[in-house]
Amino acid sequence: MRLVILGPPGAGKGTQAELLSEALGIPHISTGDLFRANISQGTPVGIEAKKYLDAGNLVPSEITVDMVRARLAEPDAVKGFLLDGFPRSTEQADALVEILTNLDESLDGVLSLEVDADVVVERMLARGRADDTEEVIRNRLSVYTTETAPLLEYYAGQIKAIDAVGDVQEVHQRILGALAGS
């Protein structure tokens, strides 16, 4: 199964992606994890990505697309994957179509985790990360709305909307139910 998981920062994408990865036996490919690995290793891509992330902005598409292309070519992604944090724009969605076409594959679905902005702020502040100030969080939500929300239109026919408010297992069961109904 090849899935994309969408939703604002703090919607629970990472948590749900990990649970789905285990349930479906496919890798959870998080651009956030790819960026953090490159940042901690001090790679040129990591240093560049850090400048954008520290300001609460999105990393430029060409950096992200190259990372994802390389990751999807790895053997564990052959039977499927769950993309978390990519695509973030219709330009990246077009790049994903190209990547998958070259692999002779296509997406099976798009999950959209839906949660109110105030709940997101509360959740992210509770994580206690140094880069999660309310100002940065609200900027990230604004960037998400402006740049990522158009994906909801792009993927209109493939989206399964999931209420992401509630207990982690409740949300997980909603996702499994939505996937079973497809």
N, C-alpha and C. Protein backbone atom coordinates (compact mmCIF):
# COMPACT_ATOMS: atom_id res chain seq x y z
N MET A 1 0.84 -1.18 0.00
CA MET A 1 0.00 0.00 0.00
C MET A 1 0.88 1.25 0.00
N ARG A 2 0.57 2.19 -0.87
CA ARG A 2 1.32 3.44 -0.98
C ARG A 2 0.40 4.60 -0.59
N LEU A 3 0.72 5.21 0.54
CA LEU A 3 -0.15 6.23 1.11
C LEU A 3 0.60 7.52 1.40
N VAL A 4 -0.15 8.61 1.36
CA VAL A 4 0.33 9.91 1.83
C VAL A 4 -0.55 10.27 3.01
N ILE A 5 0.08 10.81 4.07
CA ILE A 5 -0.68 11.28 5.22
C ILE A 5 -0.50 12.80 5.32
N LEU A 6 -1.62 13.52 5.31
CA LEU A 6 -1.62 14.98 5.38
C LEU A 6 -2.24 15.45 6.69
N GLY A 7 -1.95 16.68 7.03
CA GLY A 7 -2.53 17.29 8.22
C GLY A 7 -1.58 18.35 8.72
N PRO A 8 -2.10 19.30 9.49
CA PRO A 8 -1.23 20.36 10.00
C PRO A 8 -0.19 19.82 10.97
N PRO A 9 0.88 20.59 11.21
CA PRO A 9 1.85 20.18 12.22
C PRO A 9 1.12 19.90 13.53
N GLY A 10 1.48 18.84 14.22
CA GLY A 10 0.86 18.53 15.50
C GLY A 10 -0.45 17.78 15.41
N ALA A 11 -0.85 17.36 14.20
CA ALA A 11 -2.12 16.63 14.04
C ALA A 11 -2.00 15.18 14.45
N GLY A 12 -0.77 14.71 14.68
CA GLY A 12 -0.57 13.32 15.05
C GLY A 12 -0.12 12.44 13.89
N LYS A 13 0.35 13.07 12.81
CA LYS A 13 0.76 12.31 11.63
C LYS A 13 1.86 11.30 11.97
N GLY A 14 2.88 11.73 12.69
CA GLY A 14 3.99 10.83 13.02
C GLY A 14 3.55 9.64 13.85
N THR A 15 2.76 9.91 14.87
CA THR A 15 2.26 8.84 15.74
C THR A 15 1.41 7.86 14.95
N GLN A 16 0.48 8.37 14.17
CA GLN A 16 -0.41 7.49 13.40
C GLN A 16 0.35 6.77 12.30
N ALA A 17 1.34 7.44 11.70
CA ALA A 17 2.13 6.80 10.65
C ALA A 17 2.92 5.62 11.22
N GLU A 18 3.46 5.77 12.42
CA GLU A 18 4.19 4.65 13.04
C GLU A 18 3.26 3.47 13.28
N LEU A 19 2.08 3.72 13.80
CA LEU A 19 1.11 2.65 14.04
C LEU A 19 0.70 1.97 12.74
N LEU A 20 0.47 2.78 11.70
CA LEU A 20 0.08 2.23 10.40
C LEU A 20 1.22 1.44 9.76
N SER A 21 2.43 1.93 9.93
CA SER A 21 3.60 1.25 9.40
C SER A 21 3.66 -0.17 9.95
N GLU A 22 3.46 -0.29 11.26
CA GLU A 22 3.46 -1.62 11.89
C GLU A 22 2.28 -2.45 11.41
N ALA A 23 1.10 -1.84 11.39
CA ALA A 23 -0.11 -2.59 11.02
C ALA A 23 -0.07 -3.08 9.57
N LEU A 24 0.51 -2.28 8.68
CA LEU A 24 0.51 -2.61 7.25
C LEU A 24 1.82 -3.22 6.76
N GLY A 25 2.85 -3.19 7.60
CA GLY A 25 4.13 -3.74 7.21
C GLY A 25 4.84 -2.95 6.12
N ILE A 26 4.68 -1.62 6.15
CA ILE A 26 5.34 -0.74 5.18
C ILE A 26 6.12 0.32 5.94
N PRO A 27 7.19 0.86 5.34
CA PRO A 27 7.97 1.87 6.05
C PRO A 27 7.25 3.20 6.16
N HIS A 28 7.43 3.83 7.32
CA HIS A 28 6.97 5.20 7.56
C HIS A 28 8.11 6.10 7.12
N ILE A 29 7.89 6.88 6.07
CA ILE A 29 8.92 7.76 5.54
C ILE A 29 8.55 9.19 5.89
N SER A 30 9.23 9.72 6.89
CA SER A 30 8.96 11.05 7.40
C SER A 30 10.03 12.02 6.91
N THR A 31 9.60 13.06 6.22
CA THR A 31 10.59 14.05 5.79
C THR A 31 11.20 14.72 7.01
N GLY A 32 10.44 14.88 8.07
CA GLY A 32 10.98 15.45 9.31
C GLY A 32 12.14 14.61 9.82
N ASP A 33 11.98 13.28 9.83
CA ASP A 33 13.05 12.39 10.27
C ASP A 33 14.24 12.46 9.32
N LEU A 34 13.96 12.53 8.01
CA LEU A 34 15.05 12.66 7.03
C LEU A 34 15.84 13.95 7.28
N PHE A 35 15.11 15.04 7.53
CA PHE A 35 15.77 16.32 7.80
C PHE A 35 16.58 16.25 9.09
N ARG A 36 15.96 15.72 10.17
CA ARG A 36 16.66 15.65 11.46
C ARG A 36 17.93 14.81 11.36
N ALA A 37 17.87 13.71 10.61
CA ALA A 37 19.05 12.86 10.44
C ALA A 37 20.16 13.64 9.73
N ASN A 38 19.78 14.37 8.68
CA ASN A 38 20.77 15.16 7.94
C ASN A 38 21.32 16.31 8.78
N ILE A 39 20.46 16.91 9.61
CA ILE A 39 20.90 18.01 10.48
C ILE A 39 21.87 17.48 11.52
N SER A 40 21.51 16.36 12.17
CA SER A 40 22.38 15.82 13.22
C SER A 40 23.72 15.34 12.66
N GLN A 41 23.72 14.91 11.40
CA GLN A 41 24.96 14.46 10.77
C GLN A 41 25.75 15.62 10.17
N GLY A 42 25.15 16.83 10.19
CA GLY A 42 25.83 18.01 9.67
C GLY A 42 26.07 17.98 8.17
N THR A 43 25.21 17.27 7.44
CA THR A 43 25.37 17.21 5.98
C THR A 43 25.03 18.58 5.38
N PRO A 44 25.52 18.86 4.16
CA PRO A 44 25.18 20.14 3.51
C PRO A 44 23.67 20.36 3.42
N VAL A 45 22.93 19.30 3.07
CA VAL A 45 21.47 19.40 2.98
C VAL A 45 20.89 19.70 4.36
N GLY A 46 21.43 19.07 5.39
CA GLY A 46 20.96 19.29 6.75
C GLY A 46 21.18 20.71 7.23
N ILE A 47 22.36 21.25 6.94
CA ILE A 47 22.69 22.63 7.33
C ILE A 47 21.73 23.60 6.65
N GLU A 48 21.48 23.38 5.36
CA GLU A 48 20.57 24.24 4.60
C GLU A 48 19.14 24.11 5.13
N ALA A 49 18.70 22.87 5.36
CA ALA A 49 17.34 22.62 5.84
C ALA A 49 17.12 23.28 7.21
N LYS A 50 18.13 23.24 8.08
CA LYS A 50 18.01 23.78 9.43
C LYS A 50 17.67 25.26 9.43
N LYS A 51 18.24 26.01 8.50
CA LYS A 51 17.95 27.46 8.41
C LYS A 51 16.45 27.70 8.24
N TYR A 52 15.83 26.91 7.38
CA TYR A 52 14.40 27.07 7.11
C TYR A 52 13.57 26.59 8.28
N LEU A 53 13.91 25.42 8.81
CA LEU A 53 13.13 24.83 9.90
C LEU A 53 13.17 25.70 11.16
N ASP A 54 14.33 26.28 11.46
CA ASP A 54 14.46 27.13 12.65
C ASP A 54 13.55 28.36 12.58
N ALA A 55 13.26 28.81 11.36
CA ALA A 55 12.38 29.96 11.17
C ALA A 55 10.91 29.55 11.07
N GLY A 56 10.66 28.23 11.11
CA GLY A 56 9.28 27.76 11.00
C GLY A 56 8.79 27.72 9.56
N ASN A 57 9.73 27.75 8.60
CA ASN A 57 9.37 27.71 7.19
C ASN A 57 9.62 26.33 6.61
N LEU A 58 9.06 26.11 5.42
CA LEU A 58 9.25 24.84 4.75
C LEU A 58 10.60 24.81 4.03
N VAL A 59 11.20 23.65 3.97
CA VAL A 59 12.45 23.46 3.25
C VAL A 59 12.13 23.50 1.74
N PRO A 60 12.99 24.13 0.93
CA PRO A 60 12.72 24.21 -0.52
C PRO A 60 12.47 22.83 -1.15
N SER A 61 11.56 22.80 -2.10
CA SER A 61 11.12 21.56 -2.72
C SER A 61 12.23 20.72 -3.31
N GLU A 62 13.19 21.34 -4.00
CA GLU A 62 14.20 20.52 -4.68
C GLU A 62 15.00 19.68 -3.69
N ILE A 63 15.27 20.22 -2.50
CA ILE A 63 15.99 19.46 -1.46
C ILE A 63 15.13 18.28 -1.00
N THR A 64 13.87 18.57 -0.73
CA THR A 64 12.96 17.54 -0.24
C THR A 64 12.71 16.46 -1.29
N VAL A 65 12.45 16.85 -2.53
CA VAL A 65 12.17 15.89 -3.60
C VAL A 65 13.33 14.93 -3.79
N ASP A 66 14.55 15.46 -3.78
CA ASP A 66 15.73 14.59 -3.94
C ASP A 66 15.84 13.57 -2.81
N MET A 67 15.57 14.02 -1.57
CA MET A 67 15.63 13.10 -0.44
C MET A 67 14.58 12.00 -0.57
N VAL A 68 13.37 12.39 -0.94
CA VAL A 68 12.27 11.42 -1.05
C VAL A 68 12.52 10.45 -2.21
N ARG A 69 12.99 10.96 -3.34
CA ARG A 69 13.28 10.10 -4.49
C ARG A 69 14.26 8.99 -4.09
N ALA A 70 15.32 9.40 -3.41
CA ALA A 70 16.33 8.43 -2.97
C ALA A 70 15.73 7.42 -1.98
N ARG A 71 14.89 7.91 -1.07
CA ARG A 71 14.32 7.03 -0.04
C ARG A 71 13.35 6.01 -0.65
N LEU A 72 12.53 6.44 -1.63
CA LEU A 72 11.56 5.53 -2.24
C LEU A 72 12.23 4.48 -3.11
N ALA A 73 13.48 4.71 -3.48
CA ALA A 73 14.24 3.74 -4.29
C ALA A 73 14.86 2.65 -3.42
N GLU A 74 14.82 2.80 -2.09
CA GLU A 74 15.40 1.80 -1.19
C GLU A 74 14.52 0.54 -1.17
N PRO A 75 15.13 -0.63 -0.97
CA PRO A 75 14.42 -1.91 -1.06
C PRO A 75 13.19 -2.05 -0.16
N ASP A 76 13.22 -1.49 1.05
CA ASP A 76 12.07 -1.66 1.95
C ASP A 76 10.82 -0.92 1.48
N ALA A 77 10.96 0.01 0.54
CA ALA A 77 9.81 0.78 0.06
C ALA A 77 9.17 0.17 -1.19
N VAL A 78 9.75 -0.94 -1.69
CA VAL A 78 9.25 -1.56 -2.92
C VAL A 78 7.80 -2.01 -2.80
N LYS A 79 7.43 -2.57 -1.65
CA LYS A 79 6.07 -3.10 -1.49
C LYS A 79 5.08 -2.08 -0.94
N GLY A 80 5.57 -0.88 -0.67
CA GLY A 80 4.68 0.16 -0.18
C GLY A 80 5.38 1.08 0.78
N PHE A 81 4.69 2.16 1.15
CA PHE A 81 5.25 3.16 2.05
C PHE A 81 4.13 4.07 2.54
N LEU A 82 4.44 4.81 3.56
CA LEU A 82 3.55 5.83 4.10
C LEU A 82 4.35 7.11 4.18
N LEU A 83 4.03 8.07 3.33
CA LEU A 83 4.75 9.35 3.30
C LEU A 83 4.13 10.33 4.29
N ASP A 84 4.96 10.86 5.16
CA ASP A 84 4.55 11.80 6.21
C ASP A 84 5.37 13.08 6.03
N GLY A 85 4.69 14.17 5.64
CA GLY A 85 5.39 15.44 5.45
C GLY A 85 5.75 15.69 4.00
N PHE A 86 5.33 14.82 3.12
CA PHE A 86 5.58 14.97 1.69
C PHE A 86 4.44 14.28 0.95
N PRO A 87 3.88 14.91 -0.06
CA PRO A 87 4.18 16.25 -0.56
C PRO A 87 3.57 17.34 0.31
N ARG A 88 4.17 18.54 0.22
CA ARG A 88 3.68 19.69 0.96
C ARG A 88 3.12 20.76 0.04
N SER A 89 3.20 20.54 -1.26
CA SER A 89 2.68 21.50 -2.23
C SER A 89 2.25 20.72 -3.47
N THR A 90 1.47 21.37 -4.34
CA THR A 90 1.06 20.69 -5.56
C THR A 90 2.27 20.43 -6.46
N GLU A 91 3.28 21.28 -6.39
CA GLU A 91 4.52 21.06 -7.13
C GLU A 91 5.18 19.76 -6.67
N GLN A 92 5.24 19.55 -5.35
CA GLN A 92 5.80 18.31 -4.83
C GLN A 92 4.91 17.11 -5.17
N ALA A 93 3.61 17.31 -5.21
CA ALA A 93 2.69 16.23 -5.58
C ALA A 93 2.95 15.80 -7.02
N ASP A 94 3.18 16.78 -7.90
CA ASP A 94 3.54 16.47 -9.28
C ASP A 94 4.85 15.69 -9.33
N ALA A 95 5.83 16.10 -8.51
CA ALA A 95 7.12 15.40 -8.45
C ALA A 95 6.92 13.96 -7.96
N LEU A 96 6.01 13.76 -6.99
CA LEU A 96 5.72 12.41 -6.49
C LEU A 96 5.13 11.55 -7.60
N VAL A 97 4.22 12.11 -8.39
CA VAL A 97 3.64 11.36 -9.51
C VAL A 97 4.77 10.91 -10.45
N GLU A 98 5.70 11.82 -10.73
CA GLU A 98 6.82 11.49 -11.62
C GLU A 98 7.70 10.39 -11.02
N ILE A 99 8.01 10.51 -9.72
CA ILE A 99 8.82 9.50 -9.04
C ILE A 99 8.13 8.13 -9.12
N LEU A 100 6.83 8.10 -8.80
CA LEU A 100 6.08 6.84 -8.79
C LEU A 100 5.93 6.28 -10.20
N THR A 101 5.72 7.13 -11.20
CA THR A 101 5.62 6.69 -12.58
C THR A 101 6.91 6.01 -13.01
N ASN A 102 8.05 6.60 -12.62
CA ASN A 102 9.35 6.00 -12.94
C ASN A 102 9.55 4.66 -12.25
N LEU A 103 8.86 4.46 -11.11
CA LEU A 103 8.93 3.18 -10.39
C LEU A 103 7.81 2.23 -10.84
N ASP A 104 6.99 2.70 -11.80
CA ASP A 104 5.85 1.94 -12.30
C ASP A 104 4.83 1.68 -11.18
N GLU A 105 4.59 2.70 -10.36
CA GLU A 105 3.67 2.60 -9.23
C GLU A 105 2.72 3.80 -9.21
N SER A 106 1.75 3.75 -8.31
CA SER A 106 0.86 4.90 -8.09
C SER A 106 0.40 4.88 -6.63
N LEU A 107 -0.16 6.00 -6.18
CA LEU A 107 -0.67 6.09 -4.81
C LEU A 107 -1.95 5.27 -4.66
N ASP A 108 -2.12 4.69 -3.47
CA ASP A 108 -3.35 3.98 -3.16
C ASP A 108 -4.35 4.86 -2.43
N GLY A 109 -3.85 5.92 -1.79
CA GLY A 109 -4.76 6.80 -1.08
C GLY A 109 -4.03 7.90 -0.34
N VAL A 110 -4.83 8.87 0.13
CA VAL A 110 -4.33 10.01 0.87
C VAL A 110 -5.19 10.16 2.13
N LEU A 111 -4.53 10.13 3.29
CA LEU A 111 -5.22 10.31 4.56
C LEU A 111 -5.06 11.76 4.98
N SER A 112 -6.14 12.41 5.36
CA SER A 112 -6.07 13.79 5.83
C SER A 112 -6.52 13.83 7.29
N LEU A 113 -5.55 14.06 8.21
CA LEU A 113 -5.88 14.14 9.62
C LEU A 113 -6.37 15.55 9.91
N GLU A 114 -7.59 15.65 10.43
CA GLU A 114 -8.21 16.94 10.63
C GLU A 114 -8.31 17.27 12.11
N VAL A 115 -7.81 18.47 12.46
CA VAL A 115 -7.78 18.91 13.86
C VAL A 115 -7.78 20.43 13.90
N ASP A 116 -8.44 20.99 14.91
CA ASP A 116 -8.55 22.44 15.08
C ASP A 116 -7.21 23.07 15.45
N ALA A 117 -6.95 24.29 14.98
CA ALA A 117 -5.67 24.98 15.21
C ALA A 117 -5.34 25.12 16.69
N ASP A 118 -6.30 25.43 17.54
CA ASP A 118 -6.01 25.60 18.96
C ASP A 118 -5.58 24.28 19.60
N VAL A 119 -6.14 23.17 19.13
CA VAL A 119 -5.74 21.85 19.63
C VAL A 119 -4.30 21.57 19.21
N VAL A 120 -3.96 21.95 17.98
CA VAL A 120 -2.59 21.78 17.48
C VAL A 120 -1.60 22.54 18.36
N VAL A 121 -1.90 23.81 18.65
CA VAL A 121 -1.00 24.63 19.47
C VAL A 121 -0.82 23.99 20.84
N GLU A 122 -1.91 23.56 21.45
CA GLU A 122 -1.86 22.92 22.76
C GLU A 122 -0.99 21.65 22.73
N ARG A 123 -1.21 20.81 21.72
CA ARG A 123 -0.44 19.57 21.59
C ARG A 123 1.05 19.85 21.41
N MET A 124 1.37 20.79 20.53
CA MET A 124 2.77 21.05 20.21
C MET A 124 3.51 21.70 21.37
N LEU A 125 2.84 22.58 22.11
CA LEU A 125 3.48 23.18 23.29
C LEU A 125 3.75 22.10 24.34
N ALA A 126 2.85 21.12 24.42
CA ALA A 126 3.01 20.04 25.40
C ALA A 126 4.20 19.13 25.08
N ARG A 127 4.64 19.12 23.81
CA ARG A 127 5.79 18.27 23.44
C ARG A 127 7.08 18.81 24.04
N GLY A 128 7.11 20.13 24.30
CA GLY A 128 8.27 20.72 24.96
C GLY A 128 9.51 20.85 24.11
N ARG A 129 9.38 20.84 22.78
CA ARG A 129 10.56 21.03 21.92
C ARG A 129 10.97 22.49 21.93
N ALA A 130 12.27 22.72 21.88
CA ALA A 130 12.81 24.09 21.93
C ALA A 130 12.27 24.95 20.78
N ASP A 131 12.05 24.33 19.61
CA ASP A 131 11.60 25.12 18.45
C ASP A 131 10.08 25.28 18.41
N ASP A 132 9.37 24.75 19.41
CA ASP A 132 7.92 24.83 19.44
C ASP A 132 7.40 25.93 20.36
N THR A 133 7.67 27.20 20.00
CA THR A 133 7.05 28.31 20.71
C THR A 133 5.70 28.56 20.05
N GLU A 134 4.79 29.21 20.75
CA GLU A 134 3.48 29.45 20.16
C GLU A 134 3.59 30.25 18.87
N GLU A 135 4.50 31.24 18.83
CA GLU A 135 4.67 32.06 17.62
C GLU A 135 5.12 31.20 16.44
N VAL A 136 6.12 30.34 16.65
CA VAL A 136 6.62 29.47 15.58
C VAL A 136 5.53 28.50 15.15
N ILE A 137 4.79 27.94 16.11
CA ILE A 137 3.72 26.99 15.81
C ILE A 137 2.66 27.66 14.94
N ARG A 138 2.23 28.86 15.35
CA ARG A 138 1.19 29.56 14.57
C ARG A 138 1.70 29.93 13.18
N ASN A 139 2.99 30.28 13.07
CA ASN A 139 3.57 30.55 11.75
C ASN A 139 3.54 29.28 10.90
N ARG A 140 3.90 28.14 11.50
CA ARG A 140 3.88 26.88 10.76
C ARG A 140 2.46 26.54 10.29
N LEU A 141 1.47 26.82 11.13
CA LEU A 141 0.08 26.57 10.73
C LEU A 141 -0.32 27.47 9.57
N SER A 142 0.13 28.73 9.62
CA SER A 142 -0.15 29.67 8.54
C SER A 142 0.50 29.21 7.24
N VAL A 143 1.77 28.78 7.34
CA VAL A 143 2.48 28.27 6.17
C VAL A 143 1.76 27.03 5.63
N TYR A 144 1.33 26.15 6.54
CA TYR A 144 0.61 24.94 6.14
C TYR A 144 -0.66 25.31 5.36
N THR A 145 -1.44 26.24 5.91
CA THR A 145 -2.69 26.62 5.28
C THR A 145 -2.45 27.18 3.89
N THR A 146 -1.45 28.06 3.78
CA THR A 146 -1.15 28.70 2.50
C THR A 146 -0.59 27.74 1.47
N GLU A 147 0.41 26.94 1.88
CA GLU A 147 1.14 26.14 0.91
C GLU A 147 0.69 24.70 0.78
N THR A 148 0.14 24.13 1.83
CA THR A 148 -0.18 22.70 1.80
C THR A 148 -1.66 22.42 1.59
N ALA A 149 -2.52 23.25 2.13
CA ALA A 149 -3.95 23.01 2.00
C ALA A 149 -4.42 22.81 0.55
N PRO A 150 -3.79 23.46 -0.46
CA PRO A 150 -4.21 23.20 -1.84
C PRO A 150 -4.10 21.71 -2.24
N LEU A 151 -3.32 20.94 -1.48
CA LEU A 151 -3.24 19.51 -1.76
C LEU A 151 -4.58 18.82 -1.53
N LEU A 152 -5.38 19.39 -0.65
CA LEU A 152 -6.70 18.81 -0.40
C LEU A 152 -7.53 18.85 -1.69
N GLU A 153 -7.36 19.91 -2.49
CA GLU A 153 -8.03 19.99 -3.78
C GLU A 153 -7.37 19.05 -4.78
N TYR A 154 -6.04 19.07 -4.80
CA TYR A 154 -5.25 18.25 -5.73
C TYR A 154 -5.64 16.77 -5.61
N TYR A 155 -5.78 16.31 -4.37
CA TYR A 155 -6.07 14.90 -4.11
C TYR A 155 -7.56 14.64 -3.84
N ALA A 156 -8.42 15.57 -4.20
CA ALA A 156 -9.84 15.50 -3.83
C ALA A 156 -10.46 14.11 -3.97
N GLY A 157 -10.23 13.42 -5.07
CA GLY A 157 -10.85 12.12 -5.28
C GLY A 157 -10.23 10.98 -4.49
N GLN A 158 -9.04 11.22 -3.91
CA GLN A 158 -8.32 10.15 -3.22
C GLN A 158 -8.31 10.30 -1.69
N ILE A 159 -8.83 11.43 -1.19
CA ILE A 159 -8.70 11.73 0.24
C ILE A 159 -9.70 10.98 1.10
N LYS A 160 -9.16 10.48 2.21
CA LYS A 160 -9.99 9.93 3.28
C LYS A 160 -9.78 10.85 4.47
N ALA A 161 -10.81 11.64 4.80
CA ALA A 161 -10.72 12.59 5.91
C ALA A 161 -10.89 11.84 7.23
N ILE A 162 -9.97 12.10 8.17
CA ILE A 162 -9.98 11.41 9.46
C ILE A 162 -10.06 12.44 10.58
N ASP A 163 -11.03 12.28 11.48
CA ASP A 163 -11.10 13.12 12.67
C ASP A 163 -9.94 12.71 13.56
N ALA A 164 -8.95 13.64 13.73
CA ALA A 164 -7.73 13.31 14.47
C ALA A 164 -7.76 13.77 15.92
N VAL A 165 -8.95 14.10 16.43
CA VAL A 165 -9.07 14.50 17.82
C VAL A 165 -9.53 13.29 18.62
N GLY A 166 -8.83 13.04 19.72
CA GLY A 166 -9.19 11.91 20.57
C GLY A 166 -8.00 11.05 20.90
N ASP A 167 -8.26 9.95 21.54
CA ASP A 167 -7.24 8.99 21.95
C ASP A 167 -6.51 8.44 20.72
N VAL A 168 -5.21 8.19 20.86
CA VAL A 168 -4.36 7.70 19.76
C VAL A 168 -4.96 6.44 19.13
N GLN A 169 -5.40 5.49 19.95
CA GLN A 169 -5.96 4.25 19.42
C GLN A 169 -7.30 4.46 18.71
N GLU A 170 -8.10 5.41 19.23
CA GLU A 170 -9.36 5.74 18.56
C GLU A 170 -9.10 6.24 17.16
N VAL A 171 -8.15 7.18 17.03
CA VAL A 171 -7.82 7.76 15.73
C VAL A 171 -7.26 6.66 14.82
N HIS A 172 -6.41 5.79 15.37
CA HIS A 172 -5.84 4.69 14.59
C HIS A 172 -6.96 3.79 14.03
N GLN A 173 -7.94 3.48 14.86
CA GLN A 173 -9.06 2.65 14.41
C GLN A 173 -9.87 3.35 13.33
N ARG A 174 -10.02 4.67 13.44
CA ARG A 174 -10.74 5.43 12.39
C ARG A 174 -10.00 5.30 11.07
N ILE A 175 -8.66 5.38 11.13
CA ILE A 175 -7.86 5.28 9.91
C ILE A 175 -7.98 3.88 9.30
N LEU A 176 -7.83 2.84 10.13
CA LEU A 176 -7.95 1.47 9.63
C LEU A 176 -9.33 1.24 9.00
N GLY A 177 -10.35 1.79 9.65
CA GLY A 177 -11.71 1.67 9.11
C GLY A 177 -11.84 2.35 7.76
N ALA A 178 -11.24 3.54 7.63
CA ALA A 178 -11.30 4.27 6.36
C ALA A 178 -10.56 3.52 5.26
N LEU A 179 -9.42 2.92 5.62
CA LEU A 179 -8.66 2.15 4.62
C LEU A 179 -9.39 0.87 4.22
N ALA A 180 -10.03 0.24 5.17
CA ALA A 180 -10.78 -1.00 4.87
C ALA A 180 -11.96 -0.71 3.97
N GLY A 181 -12.51 0.49 4.08
CA GLY A 181 -13.67 0.86 3.27
C GLY A 181 -13.31 1.28 1.86
N SER A 182 -12.01 1.29 1.53
CA SER A 182 -11.62 1.77 0.20
C SER A 182 -11.62 0.69 -0.85
